[in-house]
Structures are given as C-alpha cells and as structure tokens.
C-alpha atoms as a PDB file:
ATOM      1  CA  MET A   1      -5.599 106.349  61.684  1.00  0.00           C
ATOM      2  CA  THR A   2      -3.455 103.289  61.025  1.00  0.00           C
ATOM      3  CA  GLU A   3      -0.225 104.395  62.728  1.00  0.00           C
ATOM      4  CA  THR A   4      -0.365 103.744  66.478  1.00  0.00           C
ATOM      5  CA  ARG A   5       2.918 105.469  67.328  1.00  0.00           C
ATOM      6  CA  VAL A   6       2.226 108.911  65.911  1.00  0.00           C
ATOM      7  CA  LEU A   7       3.949 110.673  68.826  1.00  0.00           C
ATOM      8  CA  ASP A   8       7.245 108.744  68.663  1.00  0.00           C
ATOM      9  CA  ASP A   9       9.209 111.867  67.802  1.00  0.00           C
ATOM     10  CA  LEU A  10       8.120 113.654  71.016  1.00  0.00           C
ATOM     11  CA  LEU A  11      10.515 113.034  73.896  1.00  0.00           C
ATOM     12  CA  CYS A  12       8.003 114.684  76.236  1.00  0.00           C
ATOM     13  CA  PHE A  13       5.444 112.021  75.334  1.00  0.00           C
ATOM     14  CA  ASP A  14       7.957 109.206  75.876  1.00  0.00           C
ATOM     15  CA  LEU A  15       8.730 110.535  79.357  1.00  0.00           C
ATOM     16  CA  TYR A  16       5.063 111.107  80.173  1.00  0.00           C
ATOM     17  CA  SER A  17       3.838 107.718  78.989  1.00  0.00           C
ATOM     18  CA  LEU A  18       6.687 105.844  80.674  1.00  0.00           C
ATOM     19  CA  SER A  19       6.006 107.694  83.927  1.00  0.00           C
ATOM     20  CA  ARG A  20       2.335 106.654  83.798  1.00  0.00           C
ATOM     21  CA  ILE A  21       3.223 103.039  83.024  1.00  0.00           C
ATOM     22  CA  VAL A  22       5.823 102.778  85.791  1.00  0.00           C
ATOM     23  CA  THR A  23       3.563 104.484  88.330  1.00  0.00           C
ATOM     24  CA  ALA A  24       0.780 102.029  87.454  1.00  0.00           C
ATOM     25  CA  LEU A  25       3.138  99.133  88.204  1.00  0.00           C
ATOM     26  CA  TYR A  26       3.120 100.192  91.862  1.00  0.00           C
ATOM     27  CA  ARG A  27      -0.660  99.964  92.123  1.00  0.00           C
ATOM     28  CA  PRO A  28      -0.982  96.179  92.745  1.00  0.00           C
ATOM     29  CA  VAL A  29       1.402  96.413  95.706  1.00  0.00           C
ATOM     30  CA  LEU A  30       0.231  99.724  97.181  1.00  0.00           C
ATOM     31  CA  GLU A  31      -3.523  99.636  96.604  1.00  0.00           C
ATOM     32  CA  PRO A  32      -4.263  96.756  99.035  1.00  0.00           C
ATOM     33  CA  HIS A  33      -2.719  98.958 101.742  1.00  0.00           C
ATOM     34  CA  GLY A  34      -4.727 102.011 100.716  1.00  0.00           C
ATOM     35  CA  LEU A  35      -1.644 103.823  99.431  1.00  0.00           C
ATOM     36  CA  THR A  36      -1.135 105.929  96.339  1.00  0.00           C
ATOM     37  CA  TYR A  37       2.165 106.437  94.546  1.00  0.00           C
ATOM     38  CA  PRO A  38       2.680 109.992  95.935  1.00  0.00           C
ATOM     39  CA  GLN A  39       1.985 108.651  99.451  1.00  0.00           C
ATOM     40  CA  TYR A  40       4.557 105.932  98.789  1.00  0.00           C
ATOM     41  CA  LEU A  41       7.137 108.603  97.930  1.00  0.00           C
ATOM     42  CA  VAL A  42       6.444 110.445 101.187  1.00  0.00           C
ATOM     43  CA  LEU A  43       6.651 107.268 103.268  1.00  0.00           C
ATOM     44  CA  VAL A  44       9.922 106.195 101.630  1.00  0.00           C
ATOM     45  CA  THR A  45      11.334 109.661 102.298  1.00  0.00           C
ATOM     46  CA  LEU A  46      10.383 109.437 105.978  1.00  0.00           C
ATOM     47  CA  THR A  47      11.828 105.940 106.349  1.00  0.00           C
ATOM     48  CA  ARG A  48      15.126 107.139 104.862  1.00  0.00           C
ATOM     49  CA  VAL A  49      15.567 110.516 106.561  1.00  0.00           C
ATOM     50  CA  GLY A  50      13.382 110.276 109.648  1.00  0.00           C
ATOM     51  CA  PRO A  51      11.276 113.135 110.986  1.00  0.00           C
ATOM     52  CA  CYS A  52      11.597 116.218 108.800  1.00  0.00           C
ATOM     53  CA  SER A  53       9.817 119.354 107.661  1.00  0.00           C
ATOM     54  CA  ILE A  54       7.167 119.538 104.984  1.00  0.00           C
ATOM     55  CA  GLY A  55       9.634 121.565 102.914  1.00  0.00           C
ATOM     56  CA  ASP A  56      12.201 118.774 103.163  1.00  0.00           C
ATOM     57  CA  ILE A  57       9.607 116.272 101.950  1.00  0.00           C
ATOM     58  CA  ALA A  58       8.567 118.598  99.113  1.00  0.00           C
ATOM     59  CA  ARG A  59      12.186 118.886  97.936  1.00  0.00           C
ATOM     60  CA  ALA A  60      12.817 115.137  98.202  1.00  0.00           C
ATOM     61  CA  THR A  61       9.622 114.084  96.414  1.00  0.00           C
ATOM     62  CA  ARG A  62       9.334 117.048  94.029  1.00  0.00           C
ATOM     63  CA  LEU A  63       5.699 117.369  95.090  1.00  0.00           C
ATOM     64  CA  ASP A  64       4.327 120.898  95.469  1.00  0.00           C
ATOM     65  CA  HIS A  65       2.809 122.090  98.732  1.00  0.00           C
ATOM     66  CA  GLY A  66      -0.699 122.110  97.228  1.00  0.00           C
ATOM     67  CA  THR A  67      -0.413 118.380  96.573  1.00  0.00           C
ATOM     68  CA  LEU A  68       1.600 117.536  99.656  1.00  0.00           C
ATOM     69  CA  THR A  69      -0.477 119.216 102.371  1.00  0.00           C
ATOM     70  CA  PRO A  70      -3.758 117.299 101.806  1.00  0.00           C
ATOM     71  CA  LEU A  71      -1.793 114.089 101.196  1.00  0.00           C
ATOM     72  CA  LEU A  72      -0.043 114.473 104.567  1.00  0.00           C
ATOM     73  CA  ARG A  73      -3.328 115.260 106.294  1.00  0.00           C
ATOM     74  CA  ARG A  74      -4.897 112.078 104.902  1.00  0.00           C
ATOM     75  CA  LEU A  75      -1.941 109.977 106.092  1.00  0.00           C
ATOM     76  CA  ALA A  76      -2.100 111.656 109.504  1.00  0.00           C
ATOM     77  CA  ASP A  77      -5.858 110.986 109.714  1.00  0.00           C
ATOM     78  CA  ARG A  78      -5.090 107.306 109.023  1.00  0.00           C
ATOM     79  CA  GLY A  79      -2.564 107.295 111.852  1.00  0.00           C
ATOM     80  CA  VAL A  80       0.403 106.619 109.551  1.00  0.00           C
ATOM     81  CA  LEU A  81       2.273 109.802 110.414  1.00  0.00           C
ATOM     82  CA  THR A  82       2.154 112.768 112.747  1.00  0.00           C
ATOM     83  CA  LEU A  83       2.186 116.468 111.919  1.00  0.00           C
ATOM     84  CA  ASP A  84       3.598 118.475 114.809  1.00  0.00           C
ATOM     85  CA  ARG A  85       3.775 122.266 114.744  1.00  0.00           C
ATOM     86  CA  SER A  86       6.865 123.818 116.216  1.00  0.00           C
ATOM     87  CA  PRO A  87       6.125 125.529 119.526  1.00  0.00           C
ATOM     88  CA  THR A  88       8.432 128.394 118.512  1.00  0.00           C
ATOM     89  CA  ASP A  89       7.343 128.790 114.848  1.00  0.00           C
ATOM     90  CA  ALA A  90       3.731 127.974 113.956  1.00  0.00           C
ATOM     91  CA  ARG A  91       4.689 127.883 110.255  1.00  0.00           C
ATOM     92  CA  SER A  92       7.069 124.981 110.819  1.00  0.00           C
ATOM     93  CA  VAL A  93       5.599 121.461 110.867  1.00  0.00           C
ATOM     94  CA  THR A  94       7.598 118.311 111.545  1.00  0.00           C
ATOM     95  CA  VAL A  95       6.364 115.135 109.885  1.00  0.00           C
ATOM     96  CA  ALA A  96       7.191 111.760 111.451  1.00  0.00           C
ATOM     97  CA  LEU A  97       6.112 108.167 111.016  1.00  0.00           C
ATOM     98  CA  THR A  98       3.971 106.553 113.684  1.00  0.00           C
ATOM     99  CA  PRO A  99       4.331 102.864 114.598  1.00  0.00           C
ATOM    100  CA  ALA A 100       1.594 102.182 112.006  1.00  0.00           C
ATOM    101  CA  GLY A 101       3.698 104.000 109.430  1.00  0.00           C
ATOM    102  CA  GLU A 102       6.812 102.090 110.436  1.00  0.00           C
ATOM    103  CA  SER A 103       4.884  98.846 109.984  1.00  0.00           C
ATOM    104  CA  LEU A 104       4.511  99.696 106.268  1.00  0.00           C
ATOM    105  CA  LYS A 105       8.261  99.407 105.608  1.00  0.00           C
ATOM    106  CA  PRO A 106       7.948  95.846 104.216  1.00  0.00           C
ATOM    107  CA  VAL A 107       5.250  97.057 101.788  1.00  0.00           C
ATOM    108  CA  LEU A 108       7.494  99.892 100.616  1.00  0.00           C
ATOM    109  CA  HIS A 109      10.354  97.441 100.066  1.00  0.00           C
ATOM    110  CA  GLU A 110       8.068  95.023  98.215  1.00  0.00           C
ATOM    111  CA  ALA A 111       6.920  97.826  95.907  1.00  0.00           C
ATOM    112  CA  GLN A 112      10.514  98.665  95.011  1.00  0.00           C
ATOM    113  CA  CYS A 113      11.386  95.012  94.365  1.00  0.00           C
ATOM    114  CA  HIS A 114       8.252  94.607  92.230  1.00  0.00           C
ATOM    115  CA  ILE A 115       9.297  97.519  90.017  1.00  0.00           C
ATOM    116  CA  GLY A 116      12.836  96.213  89.689  1.00  0.00           C
ATOM    117  CA  ASP A 117      11.512  92.863  88.501  1.00  0.00           C
ATOM    118  CA  SER A 118       9.002  94.460  86.124  1.00  0.00           C
ATOM    119  CA  LEU A 119      11.440  96.706  84.277  1.00  0.00           C
ATOM    120  CA  GLY A 120      13.378  93.900  82.634  1.00  0.00           C
ATOM    121  CA  LEU A 121      16.663  95.734  83.111  1.00  0.00           C
ATOM    122  CA  THR A 122      19.860  94.564  84.729  1.00  0.00           C
ATOM    123  CA  GLU A 123      21.121  96.381  87.818  1.00  0.00           C
ATOM    124  CA  PRO A 124      23.839  98.210  85.822  1.00  0.00           C
ATOM    125  CA  GLN A 125      21.237  99.267  83.234  1.00  0.00           C
ATOM    126  CA  VAL A 126      18.970 100.610  85.974  1.00  0.00           C
ATOM    127  CA  ARG A 127      21.876 102.590  87.497  1.00  0.00           C
ATOM    128  CA  ARG A 128      22.829 104.068  84.093  1.00  0.00           C
ATOM    129  CA  LEU A 129      19.216 105.045  83.433  1.00  0.00           C
ATOM    130  CA  GLN A 130      18.941 106.633  86.878  1.00  0.00           C
ATOM    131  CA  SER A 131      22.178 108.536  86.326  1.00  0.00           C
ATOM    132  CA  THR A 132      20.841 109.938  83.054  1.00  0.00           C
ATOM    133  CA  LEU A 133      17.512 110.889  84.634  1.00  0.00           C
ATOM    134  CA  HIS A 134      19.236 112.530  87.637  1.00  0.00           C
ATOM    135  CA  HIS A 135      21.483 114.496  85.288  1.00  0.00           C
ATOM    136  CA  LEU A 136      18.486 115.666  83.263  1.00  0.00           C
ATOM    137  CA  ALA A 137      16.476 116.652  86.362  1.00  0.00           C
ATOM    138  CA  ASP A 138      19.447 118.520  87.845  1.00  0.00           C
ATOM    139  CA  HIS A 139      20.004 120.335  84.552  1.00  0.00           C
ATOM    140  CA  LEU A 140      16.356 121.386  84.362  1.00  0.00           C
ATOM    141  CA  ASP A 141      16.272 122.408  88.043  1.00  0.00           C
ATOM    142  CA  ASN A 142      19.243 124.696  87.431  1.00  0.00           C
ATOM    143  CA  SER A 143      17.861 126.232  84.230  1.00  0.00           C
END
C-alpha cells in the first residue's frame, strides 16, 4: 500500500487519532508523577469544583463508573484523594483531594501549559476549536 492516508475521508478516524496524539502529549508531564490522563482529568475536576460525588466527576470527565471507580480507588490508595461514604446514604461517596493531591496542582497546570505550547495554535484558535468541540459534544449528548 503506497497511500499512507487511506482513512482521510473518515471524520471518526480524524477525531480518534487526534485524541490519541493529544493524550500522548500529556505523558511526559504526568508519567513522572505516576499519573495517567484519566487521573489527570479527575484531579483537575477536584481542583476546580472541590469535594464532590462520583457522579459529579463522571459527568465532568465523561468517564463511566466502570472506569472511574477503580481509578478513584488507586488514587485513594496512593493518598491523593479520599473516598468518604455518606453516613445517611451508603450509595453516596464524596471524593476530595488530600494535601498530597493538592500538592499536584503545579503538575496539573504544567500539563495544561505543555499542551497549549504543543498545539501550535493561537489562543483565539484554541477557543474556536473548543467552541466547536463543545457544540458537537452537546449535540451528541442531546441526540
């Protein structure tokens, strides 16, 4: 096969391959701290909204409970966050950062700056792209 871009007409492939490439850009910043990209999303969520339920984190990160539950347990085992069951409703768990989790804020910021530098887009271009992606995600969520 001589053509290397045989899937150029598939928007799904463009989105998939770009997602993999962008996610991989986070690795050099996160890996030295033992963090994965999904863990990064959870930690950013907690730094922005504070203690919240697992359901709140699932909605914010778009991670399903099957992915999120073991991920949260691993972070709790590392002492990065706490998982506290409600005394009145055993099904409800509040997730909160520990001091060790709070200490990762500079790493989370560095990861975001690293991506911004790597994309080669201006700030207005990034905002337009995000607006388009948000619109598409909202449309698909409501379908």
